[in-house]
Protein backbone atom coordinates (compact mmCIF):
# COMPACT_ATOMS: atom_id res chain seq x y z
CA MET A 1 -56.54 122.77 53.01
CA GLN A 2 -58.21 123.41 49.62
CA ILE A 3 -54.80 124.04 48.06
CA GLU A 4 -53.53 120.67 49.28
CA ILE A 5 -56.57 118.88 47.85
CA TYR A 6 -56.08 120.63 44.51
CA ASN A 7 -52.42 119.59 44.40
CA LEU A 8 -53.31 116.03 45.33
CA LEU A 9 -55.88 115.91 42.53
CA LEU A 10 -53.30 117.20 40.05
CA LEU A 11 -50.83 114.52 41.12
CA ALA A 12 -53.52 111.83 40.92
CA PHE A 13 -54.54 113.05 37.46
CA ALA A 14 -50.93 112.91 36.24
CA GLY A 15 -50.29 109.48 37.74
CA ILE A 16 -53.51 107.89 36.46
CA GLY A 17 -53.13 109.45 33.00
CA GLN A 18 -49.55 108.25 32.67
CA ALA A 19 -50.58 104.78 33.88
CA LEU A 20 -53.38 104.60 31.28
CA LEU A 21 -51.01 105.54 28.48
CA LEU A 22 -48.47 102.98 29.64
CA ALA A 23 -51.17 100.29 29.93
CA PHE A 24 -52.39 101.08 26.41
CA ALA A 25 -48.87 100.96 24.93
CA TRP A 26 -47.91 97.67 26.56
CA GLY A 27 -51.38 96.18 26.07
CA PHE A 28 -51.29 97.01 22.38
CA LEU A 29 -47.80 95.56 22.05
CA ARG A 30 -48.89 92.43 23.91
CA ALA A 31 -51.87 92.01 21.58
CA VAL A 32 -49.56 92.26 18.56
CA LEU A 33 -47.09 89.76 20.01
CA LEU A 34 -49.78 87.26 21.01
CA SER A 35 -51.76 87.55 17.77
CA GLU A 36 -48.68 87.86 15.53
CA PRO A 37 -49.88 89.41 13.39
CA LEU A 38 -52.85 91.61 14.38
CA PRO A 39 -55.01 92.45 11.32
CA LEU A 40 -57.34 95.38 10.80
CA LEU A 41 -60.93 94.95 9.73
CA TYR A 42 -61.09 94.55 5.97
CA SER A 43 -62.94 97.84 5.39
CA VAL A 44 -60.42 99.77 7.51
CA ALA A 45 -57.50 97.88 5.96
CA SER A 46 -58.66 98.78 2.46
CA TYR A 47 -58.92 102.44 3.40
CA THR A 48 -55.43 102.53 4.94
CA TYR A 49 -53.91 100.77 1.93
CA LEU A 50 -55.64 102.88 -0.70
CA ARG A 51 -55.11 106.17 1.18
CA PRO A 52 -51.60 106.06 2.66
CA SER A 53 -51.29 109.85 3.01
CA GLU A 54 -54.50 110.17 5.02
CA THR A 55 -53.51 107.16 7.12
CA LYS A 56 -50.13 108.67 7.92
CA LEU A 57 -51.78 111.95 8.89
CA ILE A 58 -54.26 110.26 11.22
CA VAL A 59 -51.60 108.12 12.91
CA THR A 60 -49.30 111.11 13.33
CA LEU A 61 -52.12 113.15 14.91
CA ILE A 62 -52.92 110.35 17.35
CA GLY A 63 -49.24 109.94 18.16
CA THR A 64 -48.90 113.69 18.72
CA VAL A 65 -51.88 113.73 21.11
CA PHE A 66 -50.48 110.82 23.11
CA SER A 67 -47.04 112.41 23.15
CA VAL A 68 -48.41 115.73 24.42
CA ALA A 69 -50.36 113.85 27.09
CA ASN A 70 -47.19 112.01 28.20
CA THR A 71 -45.14 115.17 28.52
CA SER A 72 -48.00 117.11 30.16
CA PHE A 73 -48.48 114.51 32.89
CA PHE A 74 -44.73 114.48 33.47
CA ALA A 75 -44.65 118.31 33.66
CA ILE A 76 -47.46 118.38 36.26
CA ALA A 77 -45.64 115.96 38.56
CA LEU A 78 -42.23 117.59 38.06
CA LYS A 79 -43.53 121.08 38.82
CA GLU A 80 -45.04 119.92 42.09
CA ALA A 81 -41.82 118.12 43.05
CA LEU A 82 -39.71 121.18 42.13
CA ARG A 83 -41.96 123.44 44.22
CA HIS A 84 -41.27 121.38 47.31
CA ARG A 85 -37.58 121.16 46.46
CA MET A 86 -37.30 124.95 46.32
CA HIS A 87 -38.19 125.32 50.02
CA LYS A 88 -34.65 124.13 50.64
CA PRO A 89 -31.44 125.73 49.41
CA ILE A 90 -30.90 124.96 45.69
CA SER A 91 -28.23 126.11 43.26
CA LEU A 92 -29.19 128.31 40.35
CA ILE A 93 -28.08 125.76 37.72
CA LYS A 94 -30.17 123.00 39.28
CA LEU A 95 -33.14 125.35 39.48
CA THR A 96 -32.65 126.27 35.83
CA GLY A 97 -32.44 122.61 34.86
CA GLY A 98 -35.59 121.80 36.83
CA ILE A 99 -37.45 124.63 35.13
CA THR A 100 -36.41 123.60 31.59
CA LEU A 101 -37.51 119.96 31.91
CA PRO A 102 -41.29 120.56 32.09
CA ARG A 103 -40.97 123.08 29.25
CA SER A 104 -39.19 120.59 26.89
CA GLU A 105 -36.05 122.71 26.79
CA PHE A 106 -32.45 122.09 27.70
CA VAL A 107 -29.51 123.81 29.34
CA ILE A 108 -26.04 124.16 27.86
CA SER A 109 -23.34 124.90 30.42
CA PHE A 110 -19.80 123.62 30.04
CA ARG A 111 -19.22 124.20 33.75
CA HIS A 112 -22.13 121.92 34.64
CA VAL A 113 -21.81 118.93 32.34
CA LEU A 114 -24.15 116.64 34.27
CA THR A 115 -27.03 119.10 34.22
CA THR A 116 -26.42 119.71 30.52
CA LEU A 117 -26.47 115.98 29.69
CA VAL A 118 -29.61 115.32 31.76
CA THR A 119 -31.58 118.16 30.20
CA ILE A 120 -30.47 117.30 26.64
CA THR A 121 -31.36 113.62 27.20
CA MET A 122 -34.82 114.52 28.51
CA PHE A 123 -35.33 116.95 25.63
CA SER A 124 -34.43 114.21 23.12
CA LEU A 125 -36.78 111.70 24.74
CA THR A 126 -39.58 114.24 24.65
CA LYS A 127 -39.11 114.78 20.92
CA LEU A 128 -38.86 111.01 20.41
CA MET A 129 -42.30 110.42 21.85
CA VAL A 130 -44.18 111.28 18.64
CA SER A 131 -42.08 108.90 16.53
CA SER A 132 -42.42 106.19 19.20
CA TRP A 133 -46.20 106.35 19.19
CA SER A 134 -46.27 106.57 15.37
CA THR A 135 -44.03 103.51 15.07
CA LEU A 136 -46.24 101.59 17.46
CA LEU A 137 -49.55 102.55 15.83
CA THR A 138 -48.74 102.67 12.10
CA PRO A 139 -50.25 99.65 10.27
CA THR A 140 -48.28 97.90 7.54
CA LEU A 141 -48.89 95.06 5.10
CA ILE A 142 -48.97 91.76 6.96
CA VAL A 143 -49.42 88.16 5.81
CA LEU A 144 -51.98 85.83 7.41
CA ASN A 145 -51.88 82.06 6.94
CA LYS A 146 -55.33 80.59 6.62
CA PRO A 147 -56.18 76.96 7.55
CA SER A 148 -55.28 74.36 4.93
CA THR A 149 -57.93 72.82 2.71
CA SER A 150 -58.26 69.99 0.22
CA GLY A 151 -60.07 69.12 -2.99
CA TRP A 152 -59.56 67.07 -6.13
CA GLU A 153 -58.66 67.24 -9.82
CA LEU A 154 -58.33 64.94 -12.82
CA ASP A 155 -55.80 62.15 -12.29
CA LEU A 156 -53.67 61.56 -15.41
CA ASN A 157 -52.44 58.34 -13.82
CA SER A 158 -55.92 56.86 -13.48
CA SER A 159 -57.46 54.09 -15.56
CA TYR A 160 -60.45 56.38 -16.16
CA PHE A 161 -58.33 59.02 -17.92
CA GLU A 162 -56.33 56.40 -19.82
CA SER A 163 -59.51 54.85 -21.17
CA GLN A 164 -61.09 58.22 -22.05
CA LEU A 165 -57.96 59.34 -23.89
CA GLY A 166 -57.65 56.00 -25.70
CA ALA A 167 -61.28 56.16 -26.80
CA GLN A 168 -60.84 59.62 -28.32
CA LEU A 169 -57.61 58.61 -30.04
CA VAL A 170 -59.35 55.65 -31.65
CA SER A 171 -62.55 57.51 -32.53
CA SER A 172 -60.74 60.40 -34.20
CA GLY A 173 -58.17 58.17 -35.86
CA ASN A 174 -56.02 61.27 -36.35
CA VAL A 175 -53.20 60.66 -33.89
CA LEU A 176 -52.76 57.06 -35.00
CA GLY A 177 -53.07 58.10 -38.63
CA ASN A 178 -51.26 61.39 -39.26
CA GLY A 179 -51.16 63.32 -36.01
CA ASN A 180 -53.57 66.06 -37.08
CA SER A 181 -55.60 65.86 -33.86
CA VAL A 182 -52.83 67.69 -31.98
CA LYS A 183 -53.00 70.77 -34.20
CA ILE A 184 -55.01 72.53 -31.50
CA ILE A 185 -51.93 72.74 -29.30
CA ASP A 186 -49.58 73.78 -32.10
CA THR A 187 -49.24 77.41 -31.05
CA GLY A 188 -49.51 76.72 -27.32
CA GLY A 189 -46.83 74.04 -27.37
CA LEU A 190 -44.49 76.20 -29.42
CA LEU A 191 -44.93 79.25 -27.16
CA SER A 192 -44.53 77.14 -24.04
CA GLY A 193 -41.28 75.67 -25.32
CA ILE A 194 -39.93 79.08 -26.28
CA ALA A 195 -40.93 80.59 -22.93
CA HIS A 196 -39.23 77.75 -21.08
CA ALA A 197 -36.06 78.08 -23.16
CA GLN A 198 -35.67 81.85 -22.91
CA TYR A 199 -36.34 81.90 -19.15
CA ASN A 200 -33.31 79.72 -18.61
CA PHE A 201 -31.18 82.47 -20.14
CA GLY A 202 -32.50 85.36 -18.06
CA VAL A 203 -35.33 86.42 -20.37
CA SER A 204 -38.66 86.62 -18.58
CA GLY A 205 -41.23 84.25 -19.99
CA VAL A 206 -44.94 84.36 -19.17
CA LEU A 207 -47.30 82.04 -21.01
CA ASN A 208 -51.02 82.66 -21.25
CA PHE A 209 -53.43 79.82 -21.91
CA ASN A 210 -57.21 79.80 -21.54
CA GLY A 211 -57.14 83.08 -19.60
CA VAL A 212 -54.48 82.04 -17.06
CA SER A 213 -50.89 83.34 -16.86
CA TYR A 214 -48.09 80.87 -16.18
CA ASN A 215 -44.58 81.79 -15.15
CA MET A 216 -42.20 80.29 -17.73
CA SER A 217 -44.27 77.14 -18.32
CA THR A 218 -47.50 75.49 -17.28
CA GLY A 219 -45.80 72.62 -15.43
CA GLY A 220 -48.59 70.33 -16.66
CA ILE A 221 -50.82 71.96 -14.02
CA LEU A 222 -54.56 72.55 -14.18
CA PRO A 223 -55.32 75.80 -12.28
CA ALA A 224 -57.13 75.00 -9.03
CA ALA A 225 -57.17 78.23 -7.02
CA PRO A 226 -60.12 80.66 -6.93
CA GLY A 227 -59.75 83.38 -9.50
CA PHE A 228 -57.45 81.27 -11.69
CA HIS A 229 -60.02 79.19 -13.58
CA GLY A 230 -59.50 81.36 -16.66
CA SER A 231 -62.23 81.58 -19.26
CA SER A 232 -65.78 81.70 -17.94
CA GLN A 233 -67.38 80.79 -21.25
CA PRO A 234 -68.62 77.15 -21.35
CA ALA A 235 -66.93 74.99 -23.97
CA GLN A 236 -69.01 73.81 -26.89
CA PRO A 237 -70.15 70.15 -26.70
CA ASN A 238 -67.63 69.04 -29.35
CA ASN A 239 -64.81 71.16 -27.94
CA THR A 240 -63.86 69.10 -24.94
CA GLY A 241 -61.27 66.35 -24.63
CA LEU A 242 -58.83 66.40 -27.55
CA GLY A 243 -61.01 68.97 -29.29
CA PHE A 244 -60.56 71.55 -26.53
CA VAL A 245 -60.14 75.08 -27.88
CA GLY A 246 -60.70 76.99 -24.63
CA GLY A 247 -63.60 77.40 -22.22
CA PHE A 248 -64.67 77.19 -18.62
CA VAL A 249 -62.79 74.61 -16.55
CA PRO A 250 -64.22 74.45 -13.00
CA THR A 251 -61.99 74.17 -9.94
CA HIS A 252 -62.73 71.70 -7.16
CA VAL A 253 -60.72 73.15 -4.27
CA GLN A 254 -62.83 75.24 -1.91
CA PHE A 255 -61.25 78.19 -0.11
CA PRO A 256 -63.07 80.71 2.09
CA SER A 257 -63.96 83.91 0.30
CA PRO A 258 -60.88 86.09 0.80
CA GLN A 259 -61.24 89.52 2.36
CA ALA A 260 -57.75 90.73 1.69
CA ILE A 261 -55.75 93.22 -0.29
CA PHE A 262 -53.78 90.40 -1.90
CA SER A 263 -54.47 86.67 -1.88
CA ASN A 264 -51.89 83.96 -2.51
CA TYR A 265 -52.52 80.23 -2.73
CA THR A 266 -50.08 77.36 -2.42
CA ILE A 267 -51.48 74.01 -3.55
CA GLN A 268 -49.86 70.62 -3.96
CA GLN A 269 -51.06 69.25 -7.30
CA GLN A 270 -50.32 66.64 -9.91
CA GLY A 271 -48.36 67.89 -12.91
CA LEU A 272 -46.49 66.67 -15.94
CA THR A 273 -42.91 67.40 -17.01
CA ALA A 274 -40.04 65.65 -18.76
CA ASP A 275 -36.42 64.87 -18.16
CA VAL A 276 -34.62 65.97 -21.33
CA THR A 277 -31.00 65.26 -22.12
CA CYS A 278 -29.46 66.47 -25.37
CA HIS A 279 -26.04 65.93 -26.91
CA GLN A 280 -24.44 66.35 -30.28
CA ILE A 281 -23.93 63.37 -32.55
CA PRO A 282 -21.66 62.82 -35.57
CA ALA A 283 -22.66 64.75 -38.65
CA HIS A 284 -24.79 63.09 -41.33
CA THR A 285 -26.20 60.52 -38.93
CA VAL A 286 -29.63 61.20 -40.42
CA GLY A 287 -28.36 61.26 -43.97
CA ALA A 288 -29.20 63.42 -46.93
CA PRO A 289 -32.90 63.85 -47.69
CA HIS A 290 -34.69 62.94 -50.87
CA SER A 291 -35.85 66.12 -52.58
CA SER A 292 -38.20 66.94 -55.41
CA SER A 293 -38.75 70.42 -56.88
CA PHE A 294 -41.84 71.84 -58.57
CA PRO A 295 -41.83 75.20 -60.42
CA LEU A 296 -44.17 77.71 -58.77
CA GLY A 297 -43.84 80.61 -61.17
CA ILE A 298 -42.02 83.89 -61.59
CA PHE A 299 -42.51 86.58 -58.95
CA ASN A 300 -40.84 89.99 -59.25
CA GLY A 301 -38.69 88.67 -62.06
CA THR A 302 -37.38 85.73 -60.00
CA ALA A 303 -38.20 82.11 -60.68
CA THR A 304 -39.70 80.46 -57.57
CA GLU A 305 -40.32 76.80 -56.92
CA LEU A 306 -41.52 74.50 -54.21
CA THR A 307 -39.13 71.83 -53.00
CA ALA A 308 -40.19 68.78 -51.00
CA TYR A 309 -37.67 67.16 -48.65
CA ALA A 310 -38.11 63.68 -47.21
CA TYR A 311 -35.93 62.64 -44.24
CA THR A 312 -35.82 59.09 -42.92
CA MET A 313 -33.99 57.39 -40.07
CA ALA A 314 -34.05 53.88 -38.60
CA CYS A 315 -35.30 53.61 -35.00
CA ASP A 316 -34.16 51.18 -32.32
CA GLN A 317 -37.54 49.44 -32.08
CA GLY A 318 -37.39 48.37 -35.75
CA GLU A 319 -39.56 51.00 -37.42
CA SER A 320 -38.44 53.92 -39.54
CA SER A 321 -39.00 57.54 -38.63
CA GLN A 322 -39.73 59.95 -41.42
CA GLN A 323 -40.44 63.63 -41.83
CA ASP A 324 -41.53 65.58 -44.90
CA TYR A 325 -40.98 69.31 -45.40
CA VAL A 326 -41.99 71.66 -48.21
CA LEU A 327 -40.03 74.89 -48.82
CA ARG A 328 -40.42 77.74 -51.27
CA SER A 329 -36.83 77.72 -52.56
CA SER A 330 -34.39 75.72 -54.59
CA SER A 331 -32.58 72.75 -53.12
CA SER A 332 -29.31 74.70 -53.13
CA SER A 333 -30.67 77.46 -50.85
CA ALA A 334 -32.88 75.44 -48.50
CA SER A 335 -32.97 76.63 -44.89
CA LEU A 336 -34.76 74.25 -42.60
CA VAL A 337 -34.56 72.46 -39.25
CA TYR A 338 -35.35 68.76 -39.53
CA SER A 339 -36.36 66.65 -36.53
CA LEU A 340 -37.09 62.93 -36.54
CA VAL A 341 -38.83 61.14 -33.68
CA CYS A 342 -38.17 57.62 -32.43
CA PRO A 343 -40.18 55.54 -31.70
CA TYR A 344 -42.21 56.90 -34.60
CA PRO A 345 -45.79 57.53 -33.37
CA VAL A 346 -47.64 57.77 -36.69
CA GLY A 347 -49.31 54.59 -37.88
CA GLN A 348 -47.63 52.50 -35.21
CA SER A 349 -48.90 50.43 -32.29
CA ASN A 350 -47.49 48.26 -29.51
CA LEU A 351 -44.39 50.40 -29.15
CA ASP A 352 -42.96 51.86 -25.96
CA TRP A 353 -43.19 55.66 -26.00
CA SER A 354 -42.20 56.13 -22.35
CA LYS A 355 -38.95 57.53 -23.76
CA VAL A 356 -38.75 59.47 -27.02
CA ASN A 357 -35.64 60.44 -28.96
CA VAL A 358 -35.64 63.48 -31.24
CA THR A 359 -32.76 63.94 -33.65
CA SER A 360 -32.49 67.46 -35.07
CA GLY A 361 -30.20 69.37 -37.40
CA GLY A 362 -30.17 72.53 -39.51
CA THR A 363 -29.36 73.53 -43.05
CA GLY A 364 -28.88 76.87 -44.76
CA LYS A 365 -29.18 79.73 -42.29
CA TYR A 366 -29.86 77.16 -39.54
CA LEU A 367 -26.54 75.41 -40.06
CA PHE A 368 -25.53 76.64 -36.58
CA LEU A 369 -27.66 73.79 -35.21
CA GLN A 370 -25.48 70.75 -35.64
CA GLU A 371 -27.06 67.32 -35.51
CA THR A 372 -28.23 66.76 -31.95
CA THR A 373 -30.28 64.03 -30.32
CA CYS A 374 -32.51 64.64 -27.30
CA GLU A 375 -33.86 61.89 -25.06
CA ILE A 376 -37.25 62.95 -23.65
CA THR A 377 -38.66 61.05 -20.66
CA PRO A 378 -42.15 62.29 -19.67
CA LYS A 379 -42.91 62.15 -15.94
CA LEU A 380 -45.94 62.65 -13.75
CA THR A 381 -45.07 65.02 -10.93
CA THR A 382 -46.20 66.16 -7.55
CA SER A 383 -45.73 69.92 -7.72
CA LEU A 384 -46.06 72.75 -5.26
CA VAL A 385 -47.97 75.43 -7.14
CA THR A 386 -47.95 79.06 -6.04
CA TYR A 387 -50.74 81.35 -7.21
CA ALA A 388 -49.62 84.94 -6.68
CA ASN A 389 -49.66 88.25 -8.57
CA ALA A 390 -52.13 86.80 -11.09
CA THR A 391 -49.48 84.26 -12.15
CA LEU A 392 -49.13 80.52 -11.58
CA ASN A 393 -45.69 79.10 -10.76
CA ALA A 394 -45.07 75.34 -10.32
CA THR A 395 -42.13 73.74 -8.51
CA VAL A 396 -41.63 69.98 -8.83
CA VAL A 397 -41.45 68.13 -5.50
CA ASN A 398 -41.08 64.61 -6.88
CA SER A 399 -41.69 62.83 -10.17
CA THR A 400 -42.46 59.35 -11.55
CA ALA A 401 -41.76 58.08 -15.06
CA LEU A 402 -44.67 56.84 -17.18
CA SER A 403 -45.36 53.10 -17.13
CA PHE A 404 -47.33 50.62 -19.24
CA ILE A 405 -50.61 51.85 -17.72
CA ASN A 406 -49.94 55.24 -19.34
CA SER A 407 -49.51 53.92 -22.86
CA ASN A 408 -52.13 56.20 -24.43
CA LEU A 409 -50.71 59.23 -22.63
CA ALA A 410 -47.19 58.33 -23.82
CA LEU A 411 -48.44 57.90 -27.40
CA PHE A 412 -50.17 61.25 -27.30
CA LEU A 413 -47.05 63.02 -26.03
CA ALA A 414 -44.92 61.35 -28.72
CA SER A 415 -47.44 62.52 -31.32
CA VAL A 416 -47.21 66.09 -29.98
CA ILE A 417 -43.42 65.98 -30.27
CA ASN A 418 -43.68 64.63 -33.81
CA TYR A 419 -46.22 67.27 -34.78
CA GLN A 420 -44.04 70.09 -33.44
CA SER A 421 -41.05 68.62 -35.26
CA GLN A 422 -42.92 68.71 -38.56
CA ASN A 423 -45.12 71.78 -38.43
CA SER A 424 -42.60 74.21 -36.97
CA GLN A 425 -41.10 74.32 -40.47
CA GLY A 426 -42.79 76.78 -42.82
CA LEU A 427 -42.25 77.54 -46.46
CA VAL A 428 -39.43 80.03 -45.78
CA ALA A 429 -38.50 79.74 -42.07
CA ASN A 430 -38.55 77.46 -39.07
CA SER A 431 -40.11 78.84 -35.86
CA ILE A 432 -38.02 76.60 -33.59
CA GLY A 433 -34.80 77.48 -35.38
CA ASP A 434 -35.53 81.22 -35.31
CA ALA A 435 -36.41 81.09 -31.62
CA LEU A 436 -33.33 79.09 -30.67
CA TYR A 437 -31.03 81.44 -32.53
CA SER A 438 -32.57 84.67 -31.22
CA ILE A 439 -32.52 83.45 -27.62
CA ALA A 440 -28.95 82.21 -27.86
CA VAL A 441 -27.52 85.42 -29.28
CA THR A 442 -29.48 87.78 -26.99
CA ALA A 443 -29.22 85.78 -23.76
CA THR A 444 -28.27 87.92 -20.75
CA THR A 445 -27.03 84.90 -18.80
CA ALA A 446 -25.56 81.70 -20.18
CA LEU A 447 -24.19 78.50 -18.76
CA GLU A 448 -21.01 80.47 -18.26
CA ASN A 449 -19.67 83.72 -19.68
CA GLY A 450 -18.51 83.23 -23.20
CA SER A 451 -19.90 79.71 -23.46
CA PRO A 452 -19.87 78.30 -26.99
CA MET A 453 -22.99 78.62 -29.09
CA ASP A 454 -23.52 74.87 -29.32
CA LEU A 455 -23.68 74.57 -25.50
CA ARG A 456 -26.34 77.26 -25.40
CA LEU A 457 -28.32 75.57 -28.12
CA ILE A 458 -28.22 72.21 -26.35
CA GLU A 459 -29.51 73.85 -23.18
CA GLU A 460 -32.24 75.62 -25.16
CA LEU A 461 -33.36 72.42 -26.87
CA GLU A 462 -33.68 70.67 -23.50
CA GLN A 463 -35.79 73.48 -22.09
CA TYR A 464 -37.84 73.77 -25.27
CA TRP A 465 -38.96 70.15 -25.35
CA ARG A 466 -39.63 70.22 -21.60
CA GLY A 467 -41.93 73.20 -22.13
CA VAL A 468 -43.79 71.38 -24.94
CA ILE A 469 -44.45 68.33 -22.73
CA GLU A 470 -45.59 70.44 -19.78
CA PHE A 471 -48.04 72.40 -21.92
CA SER A 472 -49.41 69.14 -23.29
CA GLY A 473 -50.23 68.04 -19.73
CA THR A 474 -52.13 71.26 -19.04
CA TYR A 475 -53.95 70.95 -22.33
CA LEU A 476 -55.08 67.38 -21.54
CA ARG A 477 -56.23 68.30 -18.03
CA SER A 478 -58.16 71.28 -19.36
CA GLY A 479 -59.81 69.37 -22.20
CA PHE A 480 -60.87 66.38 -20.07
CA SER A 481 -61.98 68.56 -17.11
CA ALA A 482 -63.87 71.22 -19.06
CA TYR A 483 -67.51 71.89 -18.26
CA PRO A 484 -69.83 69.95 -18.55
CA ILE A 485 -67.63 66.83 -18.20
CA THR A 486 -68.24 64.91 -14.97
CA ILE A 487 -65.27 63.05 -13.52
CA PRO A 488 -65.99 59.89 -11.47
CA ASP A 489 -64.28 59.15 -8.17
CA ASP A 490 -61.79 56.74 -9.74
CA GLY A 491 -60.58 59.52 -12.03
CA MET A 492 -59.75 61.96 -9.22
CA VAL A 493 -56.58 62.72 -7.33
CA THR A 494 -56.53 64.64 -4.05
CA VAL A 495 -54.96 68.08 -3.88
CA THR A 496 -54.18 70.01 -0.71
CA GLY A 497 -53.21 73.59 -0.12
CA TYR A 498 -53.34 76.64 2.05
CA HIS A 499 -54.26 80.25 1.61
CA THR A 500 -52.24 83.30 2.60
CA VAL A 501 -53.75 86.77 2.56
CA THR A 502 -52.04 90.13 2.70
CA ILE A 503 -53.86 92.80 4.66
CA MET A 504 -53.06 95.90 6.69
CA GLY A 505 -52.28 95.43 10.37
CA TRP A 506 -49.46 95.13 12.86
CA SER A 507 -46.76 92.54 13.37
CA LYS A 508 -43.48 92.15 15.24
CA ARG A 509 -41.36 93.60 12.48
CA SER A 510 -37.99 93.69 14.29
CA PRO A 511 -36.48 94.12 17.78
CA THR A 512 -36.60 97.89 17.29
CA TYR A 513 -40.38 97.61 17.29
CA LEU A 514 -40.20 96.71 20.99
CA TYR A 515 -38.22 99.86 21.73
CA ALA A 516 -41.20 102.00 20.72
CA VAL A 517 -42.70 101.57 24.21
CA LEU A 518 -39.49 102.35 26.11
CA PRO A 519 -39.86 106.18 26.06
CA VAL A 520 -43.44 105.80 27.35
CA THR A 521 -42.21 103.50 30.13
CA PHE A 522 -39.36 105.88 31.00
CA PHE A 523 -41.70 108.88 31.35
CA PHE A 524 -44.07 106.79 33.45
CA LEU A 525 -41.25 105.97 35.89
CA LEU A 526 -40.03 109.57 36.09
CA THR A 527 -43.55 110.82 36.62
CA ASN A 528 -44.13 108.43 39.49
CA ILE A 529 -40.78 109.31 41.08
CA ALA A 530 -41.74 112.98 40.99
CA ILE A 531 -45.20 112.18 42.40
CA GLY A 532 -43.66 110.14 45.22
CA TYR A 533 -41.23 112.96 46.06
CA ALA A 534 -44.03 115.52 46.16
CA LEU A 535 -46.34 113.34 48.28
CA TRP A 536 -43.61 112.62 50.80
CA HIS A 537 -42.86 116.31 51.31
CA MET A 538 -46.55 117.12 51.50
CA PHE A 539 -46.84 114.53 54.27
CA VAL A 540 -43.81 115.95 56.12
CA GLU A 541 -44.99 119.54 55.76
CA ARG A 542 -48.49 118.65 56.97
CA HIS A 543 -47.18 117.02 60.15
CA SER A 544 -44.66 119.82 60.81
CA ARG A 545 -47.51 122.34 60.45
CA LYS A 546 -45.46 124.51 58.12
CA LYS A 547 -47.39 126.61 55.67
CA LEU A 548 -45.40 126.71 52.45
CA ALA A 549 -46.27 128.79 49.43
CA THR A 550 -48.04 127.16 46.47
CA PHE A 551 -46.69 128.38 43.11
CA ASP A 552 -45.59 127.30 39.65
CA PRO A 553 -41.78 127.16 39.65
CA THR A 554 -41.69 127.33 35.83
CA ASN A 555 -43.59 130.61 35.79
CA PRO A 556 -41.13 133.57 35.97
CA LEU A 557 -43.73 135.85 37.63
CA HIS A 558 -44.34 133.29 40.36
CA LEU A 559 -40.61 132.97 40.98
CA ILE A 560 -40.19 136.76 41.31
CA MET A 561 -43.10 137.06 43.73
CA VAL A 562 -41.96 134.12 45.87
CA SER A 563 -38.39 135.39 45.95
CA SER A 564 -39.58 138.89 46.92
CA THR A 565 -41.76 137.52 49.71
CA ARG A 566 -38.87 135.50 51.12
CA VAL A 567 -36.48 138.42 50.98
CA SER A 568 -39.02 140.65 52.80
CA GLY A 569 -39.39 138.04 55.53
CA ASP A 570 -35.63 137.75 55.93
CA ASP A 571 -35.30 141.56 56.24
CA LYS A 572 -37.86 141.66 59.04
CA ARG A 573 -36.08 138.89 60.92
CA LEU A 574 -32.75 140.69 60.52
CA ARG A 575 -34.20 144.00 61.77
CA LYS A 576 -35.76 142.24 64.78
CA ARG A 577 -32.46 140.53 65.58
CA SER A 578 -30.65 143.89 65.21
CA MET A 579 -33.05 145.65 67.60
CA ASN A 580 -32.71 142.84 70.15
CA TRP A 581 -28.91 143.09 69.88
CA THR A 582 -29.03 146.89 70.28
CA ARG A 583 -31.24 146.62 73.34
CA ALA A 584 -28.98 144.03 74.89
CA SER A 585 -25.94 146.17 74.21
CA SER A 586 -27.56 149.24 75.82
CA LYS A 587 -28.44 147.29 78.95
CA ALA A 588 -24.87 146.06 79.23
CA VAL A 589 -23.48 149.59 78.97
CA LEU A 590 -25.85 150.87 81.70
CA HIS A 591 -24.88 148.07 84.05
CA ALA A 592 -21.22 148.81 83.49
CA GLY A 593 -21.70 152.55 84.31
CA ALA A 594 -23.56 151.83 87.51
CA GLY A 595 -20.78 149.59 88.71
CA ALA A 596 -18.25 152.33 88.23
């Protein structure tokens, strides 16, 4: 009776243990599927991300423990079922197969293919258990989408900004006089244009301004995401607006404090760009410049002089555009890139600068740049801005051309273009010309393989001027939003965005992820089949009042002892039957003799 209770307890232990493991596996998978994804606590996630080797070791140990538990519960049930099966005739190969299964072994017999396949399959599933649990429990990087939020920023299309910009243009007098007030963006505009141009030809371009990195170009965007405000030093009182030289620009979009390994933001913001179309024009459209030379002296035995060049061109709105350059060379060896802007923004008023034409050409070593005119149409944009990997990337969703209410903004942008056209030329070289040539000859991708140089240069010029305009928009937003400037409600535009965080956890990676629980389910079913078989025979044996031996069929010593006991019992029965037959035979002989 005690033996039966012990066996029942073993079967109950195996069944309950296997059920708990199955419930955990499917429950965990259900939690992952319903949560999709299921993140770890930030402290645990940081540990698993920073210590991948230790994490792998821990998960593998847990998977090994669960795998051993699965196979142990299965072995308990199978041994009990095999013990009851052995009280009936059983072939040696089936007995061998039944013994190998609880021991995670297999049989190879070409005469018994079915037994071989069953044992090899069960052996493979046993070895697969560790990888199944590890696949199920190993955390990976997952992405969580946080609720969307909104805020505001400076509106370049507002009457407030237009009036503020106009007031500073008038008070400084520089833009309307000689364009010197845009010197602050000289380097930034040049670098932005170059970055934009080289990116189009497969050369990576990252622009840094005020402590923020922009991919290719600024897109006219003012950074709005946490961690992207750039410099934390407050700007000096006189260094805001058009005098901005860098400083703290606060953001006005509130996101929850991120507890994540990586944080990405996607915000819909107002930006500034330009549609630029360039094409070559007949040579000498601009005409030869007026030049005047002034001796500078003798250096290293060579006479050097300064030569001034004055270019002029009539514009469509009635005014004349002019540009003056000074080079340290003689007129016969001058190498320069001239660019004239129409409508001319210096000293002019009541003109329409919503579209600007720039006519450029090269001389000397820049003769590769034939006379080309570019039509530049600045546009306010609605852009989708992605903040990721410490870099800002803007994608235009839609755009609107400037109108009469943006007259001061259009004038400012025309002045920037004019300033870049003039001041890119130095005494001995032109920064725009050098950049265009170096990008064109080293480009890894062009409009098409083997495309002519002039097609590359046209494409570069378009990208260059677009980059200059976009940087100008970022510069204006930064200068007129810098601390401690306060922006009224009528100068704001709404921005909206959402936050995605990357953290360690679990997600439904692929359909194969679902298969991780199949070996656990399979062993659960086999275990319960074995338990059911054993319980049924225990019930039958109890009601038939047969006392059957209790032993471990996988233990060789137990098998020898059980086999010996059965053989001894068979011998006794044979001897008893033989004696009964002998006695019966003797009685028959005696009866036959008496009859005679």
